[in-house]
């Protein structure tokens, strides 16, 4: 598990960088994620002959909401799954959260 802990720490360091955060929440990334989600939804519709179109639309929309340009959800968890407050605390910038 030491390898996973090291990976988590490295990910937290990268995600604590303001430039990285801004890039992840950019319109360009949002557009790319929309294209991927649209492609996956289209493939699912094609594979099922469109029988589950309403369900695939709903799943695509819910996935997009979770990925989004990203505000945190009600628990303070961004689409990365790491709370910004945890990153700040680990970087010595405890926000009190």
PDB file of N, CA and C in Angstrom:
ATOM      1  N   UNK A   1       0.807  -1.192   0.000  1.00  0.00           N
ATOM      2  CA  UNK A   1       0.000   0.000   0.000  1.00  0.00           C
ATOM      3  C   UNK A   1       0.852   1.257   0.000  1.00  0.00           C
ATOM      4  N   UNK A   2       2.131   1.122   0.279  1.00  0.00           N
ATOM      5  CA  UNK A   2       2.998   2.301   0.296  1.00  0.00           C
ATOM      6  C   UNK A   2       3.006   2.978  -1.060  1.00  0.00           C
ATOM      7  N   UNK A   3       2.950   2.195  -2.136  1.00  0.00           N
ATOM      8  CA  UNK A   3       2.929   2.765  -3.474  1.00  0.00           C
ATOM      9  C   UNK A   3       1.695   3.614  -3.700  1.00  0.00           C
ATOM     10  N   UNK A   4       0.545   3.155  -3.199  1.00  0.00           N
ATOM     11  CA  UNK A   4      -0.685   3.925  -3.343  1.00  0.00           C
ATOM     12  C   UNK A   4      -0.642   5.206  -2.524  1.00  0.00           C
ATOM     13  N   UNK A   5      -0.066   5.133  -1.335  1.00  0.00           N
ATOM     14  CA  UNK A   5       0.062   6.337  -0.517  1.00  0.00           C
ATOM     15  C   UNK A   5       0.960   7.360  -1.190  1.00  0.00           C
ATOM     16  N   UNK A   6       2.055   6.887  -1.789  1.00  0.00           N
ATOM     17  CA  UNK A   6       2.951   7.787  -2.513  1.00  0.00           C
ATOM     18  C   UNK A   6       2.236   8.421  -3.694  1.00  0.00           C
ATOM     19  N   UNK A   7       1.465   7.614  -4.421  1.00  0.00           N
ATOM     20  CA  UNK A   7       0.715   8.132  -5.561  1.00  0.00           C
ATOM     21  C   UNK A   7      -0.299   9.176  -5.106  1.00  0.00           C
ATOM     22  N   UNK A   8      -0.999   8.900  -4.016  1.00  0.00           N
ATOM     23  CA  UNK A   8      -1.984   9.845  -3.487  1.00  0.00           C
ATOM     24  C   UNK A   8      -1.319  11.159  -3.105  1.00  0.00           C
ATOM     25  N   UNK A   9      -0.169  11.086  -2.436  1.00  0.00           N
ATOM     26  CA  UNK A   9       0.546  12.299  -2.038  1.00  0.00           C
ATOM     27  C   UNK A   9       0.987  13.100  -3.253  1.00  0.00           C
ATOM     28  N   UNK A  10       1.469  12.406  -4.276  1.00  0.00           N
ATOM     29  CA  UNK A  10       1.887  13.095  -5.497  1.00  0.00           C
ATOM     30  C   UNK A  10       0.692  13.755  -6.177  1.00  0.00           C
ATOM     31  N   UNK A  11      -0.438  13.044  -6.215  1.00  0.00           N
ATOM     32  CA  UNK A  11      -1.643  13.608  -6.823  1.00  0.00           C
ATOM     33  C   UNK A  11      -2.100  14.842  -6.046  1.00  0.00           C
ATOM     34  N   UNK A  12      -2.053  14.779  -4.733  1.00  0.00           N
ATOM     35  CA  UNK A  12      -2.442  15.934  -3.925  1.00  0.00           C
ATOM     36  C   UNK A  12      -1.533  17.120  -4.192  1.00  0.00           C
ATOM     37  N   UNK A  13      -0.226  16.857  -4.349  1.00  0.00           N
ATOM     38  CA  UNK A  13       0.708  17.939  -4.640  1.00  0.00           C
ATOM     39  C   UNK A  13       0.403  18.581  -5.984  1.00  0.00           C
ATOM     40  N   UNK A  14       0.155  17.757  -6.982  1.00  0.00           N
ATOM     41  CA  UNK A  14      -0.158  18.284  -8.308  1.00  0.00           C
ATOM     42  C   UNK A  14      -1.449  19.080  -8.264  1.00  0.00           C
ATOM     43  N   UNK A  15      -2.469  18.520  -7.615  1.00  0.00           N
ATOM     44  CA  UNK A  15      -3.778  19.172  -7.577  1.00  0.00           C
ATOM     45  C   UNK A  15      -3.812  20.395  -6.673  1.00  0.00           C
ATOM     46  N   UNK A  16      -2.807  20.569  -5.842  1.00  0.00           N
ATOM     47  CA  UNK A  16      -2.767  21.753  -4.989  1.00  0.00           C
ATOM     48  C   UNK A  16      -2.248  22.970  -5.747  1.00  0.00           C
ATOM     49  N   UNK A  17      -1.682  22.755  -6.914  1.00  0.00           N
ATOM     50  CA  UNK A  17      -1.173  23.840  -7.741  1.00  0.00           C
ATOM     51  C   UNK A  17      -2.347  24.608  -8.351  1.00  0.00           C
ATOM     52  N   UNK A  18      -2.385  25.907  -8.125  1.00  0.00           N
ATOM     53  CA  UNK A  18      -3.501  26.721  -8.622  1.00  0.00           C
ATOM     54  C   UNK A  18      -3.621  26.668 -10.137  1.00  0.00           C
ATOM     55  N   UNK A  19      -2.501  26.617 -10.841  1.00  0.00           N
ATOM     56  CA  UNK A  19      -2.552  26.549 -12.303  1.00  0.00           C
ATOM     57  C   UNK A  19      -3.183  25.237 -12.765  1.00  0.00           C
ATOM     58  N   UNK A  20      -2.875  24.147 -12.083  1.00  0.00           N
ATOM     59  CA  UNK A  20      -3.462  22.852 -12.424  1.00  0.00           C
ATOM     60  C   UNK A  20      -4.954  22.875 -12.141  1.00  0.00           C
ATOM     61  N   UNK A  21      -5.352  23.403 -11.000  1.00  0.00           N
ATOM     62  CA  UNK A  21      -6.775  23.505 -10.665  1.00  0.00           C
ATOM     63  C   UNK A  21      -7.520  24.315 -11.717  1.00  0.00           C
ATOM     64  N   UNK A  22      -6.946  25.455 -12.093  1.00  0.00           N
ATOM     65  CA  UNK A  22      -7.589  26.295 -13.106  1.00  0.00           C
ATOM     66  C   UNK A  22      -7.711  25.554 -14.434  1.00  0.00           C
ATOM     67  N   UNK A  23      -6.669  24.826 -14.808  1.00  0.00           N
ATOM     68  CA  UNK A  23      -6.693  24.083 -16.072  1.00  0.00           C
ATOM     69  C   UNK A  23      -7.759  22.993 -16.039  1.00  0.00           C
ATOM     70  N   UNK A  24      -7.889  22.297 -14.922  1.00  0.00           N
ATOM     71  CA  UNK A  24      -8.888  21.231 -14.809  1.00  0.00           C
ATOM     72  C   UNK A  24     -10.308  21.766 -14.848  1.00  0.00           C
ATOM     73  N   UNK A  25     -10.490  23.009 -14.483  1.00  0.00           N
ATOM     74  CA  UNK A  25     -11.816  23.602 -14.460  1.00  0.00           C
ATOM     75  C   UNK A  25     -12.052  24.513 -15.661  1.00  0.00           C
ATOM     76  N   UNK A  26     -11.246  24.364 -16.696  1.00  0.00           N
ATOM     77  CA  UNK A  26     -11.350  25.243 -17.854  1.00  0.00           C
ATOM     78  C   UNK A  26     -12.457  24.792 -18.811  1.00  0.00           C
ATOM     79  N   UNK A  27     -12.869  25.715 -19.659  1.00  0.00           N
ATOM     80  CA  UNK A  27     -13.871  25.400 -20.672  1.00  0.00           C
ATOM     81  C   UNK A  27     -13.350  24.360 -21.655  1.00  0.00           C
ATOM     82  N   UNK A  28     -12.049  24.399 -21.924  1.00  0.00           N
ATOM     83  CA  UNK A  28     -11.448  23.440 -22.866  1.00  0.00           C
ATOM     84  C   UNK A  28     -11.592  22.009 -22.339  1.00  0.00           C
ATOM     85  N   UNK A  29     -11.347  21.811 -21.057  1.00  0.00           N
ATOM     86  CA  UNK A  29     -11.481  20.487 -20.449  1.00  0.00           C
ATOM     87  C   UNK A  29     -12.953  20.087 -20.417  1.00  0.00           C
ATOM     88  N   UNK A  30     -13.831  21.034 -20.121  1.00  0.00           N
ATOM     89  CA  UNK A  30     -15.273  20.753 -20.113  1.00  0.00           C
ATOM     90  C   UNK A  30     -15.722  20.306 -21.501  1.00  0.00           C
ATOM     91  N   UNK A  31     -15.263  20.997 -22.538  1.00  0.00           N
ATOM     92  CA  UNK A  31     -15.629  20.624 -23.909  1.00  0.00           C
ATOM     93  C   UNK A  31     -15.126  19.220 -24.250  1.00  0.00           C
ATOM     94  N   UNK A  32     -13.901  18.906 -23.832  1.00  0.00           N
ATOM     95  CA  UNK A  32     -13.342  17.582 -24.103  1.00  0.00           C
ATOM     96  C   UNK A  32     -14.137  16.500 -23.380  1.00  0.00           C
ATOM     97  N   UNK A  33     -14.494  16.745 -22.129  1.00  0.00           N
ATOM     98  CA  UNK A  33     -15.259  15.737 -21.388  1.00  0.00           C
ATOM     99  C   UNK A  33     -16.649  15.566 -22.004  1.00  0.00           C
ATOM    100  N   UNK A  34     -17.237  16.660 -22.486  1.00  0.00           N
ATOM    101  CA  UNK A  34     -18.539  16.552 -23.152  1.00  0.00           C
ATOM    102  C   UNK A  34     -18.443  15.690 -24.411  1.00  0.00           C
ATOM    103  N   UNK A  35     -17.379  15.868 -25.180  1.00  0.00           N
ATOM    104  CA  UNK A  35     -17.202  15.063 -26.399  1.00  0.00           C
ATOM    105  C   UNK A  35     -17.050  13.581 -26.064  1.00  0.00           C
ATOM    106  N   UNK A  36     -16.288  13.286 -25.018  1.00  0.00           N
ATOM    107  CA  UNK A  36     -16.102  11.890 -24.614  1.00  0.00           C
ATOM    108  C   UNK A  36     -17.432  11.295 -24.157  1.00  0.00           C
ATOM    109  N   UNK A  37     -18.150  12.017 -23.303  1.00  0.00           N
ATOM    110  CA  UNK A  37     -19.436  11.518 -22.806  1.00  0.00           C
ATOM    111  C   UNK A  37     -20.437  11.340 -23.940  1.00  0.00           C
ATOM    112  N   UNK A  38     -20.460  12.279 -24.881  1.00  0.00           N
ATOM    113  CA  UNK A  38     -21.359  12.161 -26.034  1.00  0.00           C
ATOM    114  C   UNK A  38     -21.014  10.924 -26.859  1.00  0.00           C
ATOM    115  N   UNK A  39     -19.714  10.676 -27.036  1.00  0.00           N
ATOM    116  CA  UNK A  39     -19.283   9.507 -27.800  1.00  0.00           C
ATOM    117  C   UNK A  39     -19.662   8.200 -27.128  1.00  0.00           C
ATOM    118  N   UNK A  40     -19.478   8.142 -25.819  1.00  0.00           N
ATOM    119  CA  UNK A  40     -19.836   6.934 -25.072  1.00  0.00           C
ATOM    120  C   UNK A  40     -21.345   6.719 -25.118  1.00  0.00           C
ATOM    121  N   UNK A  41     -22.103   7.794 -24.950  1.00  0.00           N
ATOM    122  CA  UNK A  41     -23.559   7.670 -25.012  1.00  0.00           C
ATOM    123  C   UNK A  41     -23.991   7.198 -26.404  1.00  0.00           C
ATOM    124  N   UNK A  42     -23.395   7.769 -27.435  1.00  0.00           N
ATOM    125  CA  UNK A  42     -23.726   7.360 -28.804  1.00  0.00           C
ATOM    126  C   UNK A  42     -23.403   5.896 -29.058  1.00  0.00           C
ATOM    127  N   UNK A  43     -22.268   5.444 -28.546  1.00  0.00           N
ATOM    128  CA  UNK A  43     -21.889   4.036 -28.709  1.00  0.00           C
ATOM    129  C   UNK A  43     -22.870   3.120 -27.983  1.00  0.00           C
ATOM    130  N   UNK A  44     -23.289   3.530 -26.789  1.00  0.00           N
ATOM    131  CA  UNK A  44     -24.264   2.727 -26.040  1.00  0.00           C
ATOM    132  C   UNK A  44     -25.597   2.677 -26.777  1.00  0.00           C
ATOM    133  N   UNK A  45     -26.021   3.815 -27.311  1.00  0.00           N
ATOM    134  CA  UNK A  45     -27.279   3.846 -28.070  1.00  0.00           C
ATOM    135  C   UNK A  45     -27.184   2.972 -29.318  1.00  0.00           C
ATOM    136  N   UNK A  46     -26.046   3.028 -29.990  1.00  0.00           N
ATOM    137  CA  UNK A  46     -25.852   2.221 -31.189  1.00  0.00           C
ATOM    138  C   UNK A  46     -25.870   0.727 -30.845  1.00  0.00           C
ATOM    139  N   UNK A  47     -25.164   0.371 -29.764  1.00  0.00           N
ATOM    140  CA  UNK A  47     -25.062  -1.036 -29.376  1.00  0.00           C
ATOM    141  C   UNK A  47     -26.411  -1.620 -28.952  1.00  0.00           C
ATOM    142  N   UNK A  48     -27.281  -0.777 -28.415  1.00  0.00           N
ATOM    143  CA  UNK A  48     -28.577  -1.270 -27.938  1.00  0.00           C
ATOM    144  C   UNK A  48     -29.700  -0.955 -28.914  1.00  0.00           C
ATOM    145  N   UNK A  49     -29.359  -0.435 -30.076  1.00  0.00           N
ATOM    146  CA  UNK A  49     -30.377  -0.080 -31.049  1.00  0.00           C
ATOM    147  C   UNK A  49     -31.291   1.041 -30.568  1.00  0.00           C
ATOM    148  N   UNK A  50     -30.799   1.846 -29.624  1.00  0.00           N
ATOM    149  CA  UNK A  50     -31.578   2.974 -29.115  1.00  0.00           C
ATOM    150  C   UNK A  50     -32.674   2.594 -28.144  1.00  0.00           C
ATOM    151  N   UNK A  51     -32.736   1.322 -27.759  1.00  0.00           N
ATOM    152  CA  UNK A  51     -33.800   0.874 -26.847  1.00  0.00           C
ATOM    153  C   UNK A  51     -33.716   1.535 -25.474  1.00  0.00           C
ATOM    154  N   UNK A  52     -32.531   1.968 -25.089  1.00  0.00           N
ATOM    155  CA  UNK A  52     -32.334   2.544 -23.761  1.00  0.00           C
ATOM    156  C   UNK A  52     -31.883   4.003 -23.854  1.00  0.00           C
ATOM    157  N   UNK A  53     -32.374   4.697 -24.871  1.00  0.00           N
ATOM    158  CA  UNK A  53     -31.951   6.070 -25.134  1.00  0.00           C
ATOM    159  C   UNK A  53     -32.198   6.986 -23.938  1.00  0.00           C
ATOM    160  N   UNK A  54     -33.350   6.906 -23.333  1.00  0.00           N
ATOM    161  CA  UNK A  54     -33.660   7.782 -22.191  1.00  0.00           C
ATOM    162  C   UNK A  54     -32.714   7.513 -21.024  1.00  0.00           C
ATOM    163  N   UNK A  55     -32.424   6.231 -20.789  1.00  0.00           N
ATOM    164  CA  UNK A  55     -31.513   5.890 -19.697  1.00  0.00           C
ATOM    165  C   UNK A  55     -30.093   6.361 -19.989  1.00  0.00           C
ATOM    166  N   UNK A  56     -29.646   6.183 -21.238  1.00  0.00           N
ATOM    167  CA  UNK A  56     -28.280   6.616 -21.561  1.00  0.00           C
ATOM    168  C   UNK A  56     -28.169   8.137 -21.512  1.00  0.00           C
ATOM    169  N   UNK A  57     -29.240   8.846 -21.891  1.00  0.00           N
ATOM    170  CA  UNK A  57     -29.242  10.310 -21.763  1.00  0.00           C
ATOM    171  C   UNK A  57     -29.093  10.718 -20.300  1.00  0.00           C
ATOM    172  N   UNK A  58     -29.849  10.054 -19.431  1.00  0.00           N
ATOM    173  CA  UNK A  58     -29.803  10.366 -18.004  1.00  0.00           C
ATOM    174  C   UNK A  58     -28.422  10.075 -17.417  1.00  0.00           C
ATOM    175  N   UNK A  59     -27.871   8.934 -17.761  1.00  0.00           N
ATOM    176  CA  UNK A  59     -26.541   8.565 -17.250  1.00  0.00           C
ATOM    177  C   UNK A  59     -25.498   9.554 -17.734  1.00  0.00           C
ATOM    178  N   UNK A  60     -25.571   9.934 -19.016  1.00  0.00           N
ATOM    179  CA  UNK A  60     -24.625  10.893 -19.581  1.00  0.00           C
ATOM    180  C   UNK A  60     -24.718  12.231 -18.840  1.00  0.00           C
ATOM    181  N   UNK A  61     -25.954  12.688 -18.587  1.00  0.00           N
ATOM    182  CA  UNK A  61     -26.135  13.961 -17.901  1.00  0.00           C
ATOM    183  C   UNK A  61     -25.628  13.910 -16.465  1.00  0.00           C
ATOM    184  N   UNK A  62     -25.884  12.809 -15.781  1.00  0.00           N
ATOM    185  CA  UNK A  62     -25.395  12.682 -14.398  1.00  0.00           C
ATOM    186  C   UNK A  62     -23.878  12.616 -14.358  1.00  0.00           C
ATOM    187  N   UNK A  63     -23.274  11.910 -15.316  1.00  0.00           N
ATOM    188  CA  UNK A  63     -21.810  11.857 -15.376  1.00  0.00           C
ATOM    189  C   UNK A  63     -21.250  13.251 -15.642  1.00  0.00           C
ATOM    190  N   UNK A  64     -21.878  13.989 -16.545  1.00  0.00           N
ATOM    191  CA  UNK A  64     -21.424  15.342 -16.857  1.00  0.00           C
ATOM    192  C   UNK A  64     -21.540  16.250 -15.639  1.00  0.00           C
ATOM    193  N   UNK A  65     -22.610  16.099 -14.881  1.00  0.00           N
ATOM    194  CA  UNK A  65     -22.761  16.893 -13.656  1.00  0.00           C
ATOM    195  C   UNK A  65     -21.636  16.611 -12.672  1.00  0.00           C
ATOM    196  N   UNK A  66     -21.219  15.352 -12.584  1.00  0.00           N
ATOM    197  CA  UNK A  66     -20.145  14.980 -11.652  1.00  0.00           C
ATOM    198  C   UNK A  66     -18.789  15.450 -12.150  1.00  0.00           C
ATOM    199  N   UNK A  67     -18.590  15.430 -13.452  1.00  0.00           N
ATOM    200  CA  UNK A  67     -17.301  15.837 -14.008  1.00  0.00           C
ATOM    201  C   UNK A  67     -17.233  17.355 -14.092  1.00  0.00           C
ATOM    202  N   UNK A  68     -18.219  17.957 -14.696  1.00  0.00           N
ATOM    203  CA  UNK A  68     -18.400  19.387 -14.846  1.00  0.00           C
ATOM    204  C   UNK A  68     -17.202  20.299 -14.701  1.00  0.00           C
ATOM    205  N   UNK A  69     -17.393  21.577 -14.880  1.00  0.00           N
ATOM    206  CA  UNK A  69     -16.309  22.546 -14.724  1.00  0.00           C
ATOM    207  C   UNK A  69     -16.070  22.822 -13.280  1.00  0.00           C
ATOM    208  N   UNK A  70     -16.715  22.316 -12.600  1.00  0.00           N
ATOM    209  CA  UNK A  70     -16.565  22.003 -11.364  1.00  0.00           C
ATOM    210  C   UNK A  70     -16.547  22.636 -10.090  1.00  0.00           C
ATOM    211  N   UNK A  71     -17.689  22.802  -9.681  1.00  0.00           N
ATOM    212  CA  UNK A  71     -17.814  23.160  -8.287  1.00  0.00           C
ATOM    213  C   UNK A  71     -17.796  21.875  -7.485  1.00  0.00           C
ATOM    214  N   UNK A  72     -17.508  22.043  -6.230  1.00  0.00           N
ATOM    215  CA  UNK A  72     -17.511  20.874  -5.354  1.00  0.00           C
ATOM    216  C   UNK A  72     -18.949  20.461  -5.070  1.00  0.00           C
ATOM    217  N   UNK A  73     -19.119  19.194  -4.739  1.00  0.00           N
ATOM    218  CA  UNK A  73     -20.458  18.757  -4.363  1.00  0.00           C
ATOM    219  C   UNK A  73     -20.739  19.178  -2.919  1.00  0.00           C
ATOM    220  N   UNK A  74     -21.883  18.780  -2.398  1.00  0.00           N
ATOM    221  CA  UNK A  74     -22.297  19.219  -1.071  1.00  0.00           C
ATOM    222  C   UNK A  74     -21.352  18.766   0.039  1.00  0.00           C
ATOM    223  N   UNK A  75     -20.516  17.777  -0.230  1.00  0.00           N
ATOM    224  CA  UNK A  75     -19.561  17.314   0.775  1.00  0.00           C
ATOM    225  C   UNK A  75     -18.213  18.004   0.631  1.00  0.00           C
ATOM    226  N   UNK A  76     -18.089  18.911  -0.351  1.00  0.00           N
ATOM    227  CA  UNK A  76     -16.815  19.579  -0.569  1.00  0.00           C
ATOM    228  C   UNK A  76     -15.848  18.745  -1.381  1.00  0.00           C
ATOM    229  N   UNK A  77     -16.375  17.761  -2.122  1.00  0.00           N
ATOM    230  CA  UNK A  77     -15.520  16.878  -2.912  1.00  0.00           C
ATOM    231  C   UNK A  77     -15.630  17.285  -4.366  1.00  0.00           C
ATOM    232  N   UNK A  78     -14.496  17.582  -4.980  1.00  0.00           N
ATOM    233  CA  UNK A  78     -14.499  17.930  -6.389  1.00  0.00           C
ATOM    234  C   UNK A  78     -14.555  16.655  -7.209  1.00  0.00           C
ATOM    235  N   UNK A  79     -14.612  16.781  -8.528  1.00  0.00           N
ATOM    236  CA  UNK A  79     -14.683  15.594  -9.375  1.00  0.00           C
ATOM    237  C   UNK A  79     -13.430  14.750  -9.277  1.00  0.00           C
ATOM    238  N   UNK A  80     -12.369  15.275  -8.679  1.00  0.00           N
ATOM    239  CA  UNK A  80     -11.163  14.479  -8.481  1.00  0.00           C
ATOM    240  C   UNK A  80     -11.320  13.517  -7.316  1.00  0.00           C
ATOM    241  N   UNK A  81     -12.325  13.758  -6.475  1.00  0.00           N
ATOM    242  CA  UNK A  81     -12.529  12.914  -5.304  1.00  0.00           C
ATOM    243  C   UNK A  81     -11.706  13.349  -4.114  1.00  0.00           C
ATOM    244  N   UNK A  82     -10.955  14.428  -4.268  1.00  0.00           N
ATOM    245  CA  UNK A  82     -10.126  14.928  -3.178  1.00  0.00           C
ATOM    246  C   UNK A  82     -10.685  16.270  -2.745  1.00  0.00           C
ATOM    247  N   UNK A  83     -10.924  16.412  -1.463  1.00  0.00           N
ATOM    248  CA  UNK A  83     -11.457  17.673  -0.958  1.00  0.00           C
ATOM    249  C   UNK A  83     -10.391  18.748  -1.042  1.00  0.00           C
ATOM    250  N   UNK A  84     -10.750  19.920  -1.570  1.00  0.00           N
ATOM    251  CA  UNK A  84      -9.814  21.031  -1.640  1.00  0.00           C
ATOM    252  C   UNK A  84      -9.310  21.408  -0.255  1.00  0.00           C
ATOM    253  N   UNK A  85     -10.179  21.321   0.750  1.00  0.00           N
ATOM    254  CA  UNK A  85      -9.765  21.652   2.112  1.00  0.00           C
ATOM    255  C   UNK A  85      -8.675  20.702   2.593  1.00  0.00           C
ATOM    256  N   UNK A  86      -8.744  19.429   2.191  1.00  0.00           N
ATOM    257  CA  UNK A  86      -7.700  18.474   2.574  1.00  0.00           C
ATOM    258  C   UNK A  86      -6.385  18.833   1.924  1.00  0.00           C
ATOM    259  N   UNK A  87      -6.420  19.235   0.667  1.00  0.00           N
ATOM    260  CA  UNK A  87      -5.198  19.630  -0.027  1.00  0.00           C
ATOM    261  C   UNK A  87      -4.602  20.846   0.657  1.00  0.00           C
ATOM    262  N   UNK A  88      -5.442  21.833   0.939  1.00  0.00           N
ATOM    263  CA  UNK A  88      -4.957  23.040   1.602  1.00  0.00           C
ATOM    264  C   UNK A  88      -4.326  22.709   2.941  1.00  0.00           C
ATOM    265  N   UNK A  89      -4.965  21.833   3.703  1.00  0.00           N
ATOM    266  CA  UNK A  89      -4.446  21.451   5.011  1.00  0.00           C
ATOM    267  C   UNK A  89      -3.110  20.738   4.868  1.00  0.00           C
ATOM    268  N   UNK A  90      -2.999  19.852   3.867  1.00  0.00           N
ATOM    269  CA  UNK A  90      -1.755  19.123   3.653  1.00  0.00           C
ATOM    270  C   UNK A  90      -0.625  20.043   3.186  1.00  0.00           C
ATOM    271  N   UNK A  91      -0.981  21.137   2.577  1.00  0.00           N
ATOM    272  CA  UNK A  91       0.023  22.089   2.104  1.00  0.00           C
ATOM    273  C   UNK A  91       0.306  23.168   3.146  1.00  0.00           C
ATOM    274  N   UNK A  92      -0.235  22.985   4.352  1.00  0.00           N
ATOM    275  CA  UNK A  92       0.004  23.949   5.403  1.00  0.00           C
ATOM    276  C   UNK A  92      -0.867  25.176   5.310  1.00  0.00           C
ATOM    277  N   UNK A  93      -1.944  25.094   4.547  1.00  0.00           N
ATOM    278  CA  UNK A  93      -2.863  26.220   4.398  1.00  0.00           C
ATOM    279  C   UNK A  93      -4.214  25.820   4.946  1.00  0.00           C
ATOM    280  N   UNK A  94      -4.251  25.402   6.178  1.00  0.00           N
ATOM    281  CA  UNK A  94      -5.490  24.920   6.780  1.00  0.00           C
ATOM    282  C   UNK A  94      -6.570  25.985   6.673  1.00  0.00           C
ATOM    283  N   UNK A  95      -7.655  25.625   6.027  1.00  0.00           N
ATOM    284  CA  UNK A  95      -8.758  26.566   5.835  1.00  0.00           C
ATOM    285  C   UNK A  95      -9.764  26.491   6.966  1.00  0.00           C
ATOM    286  N   UNK A  96      -9.546  25.576   7.890  1.00  0.00           N
ATOM    287  CA  UNK A  96     -10.473  25.411   8.991  1.00  0.00           C
ATOM    288  C   UNK A  96     -11.642  24.534   8.646  1.00  0.00           C
ATOM    289  N   UNK A  97     -11.649  23.993   7.428  1.00  0.00           N
ATOM    290  CA  UNK A  97     -12.762  23.125   7.001  1.00  0.00           C
ATOM    291  C   UNK A  97     -12.622  21.749   7.586  1.00  0.00           C
TER     292      UNK A  97
END
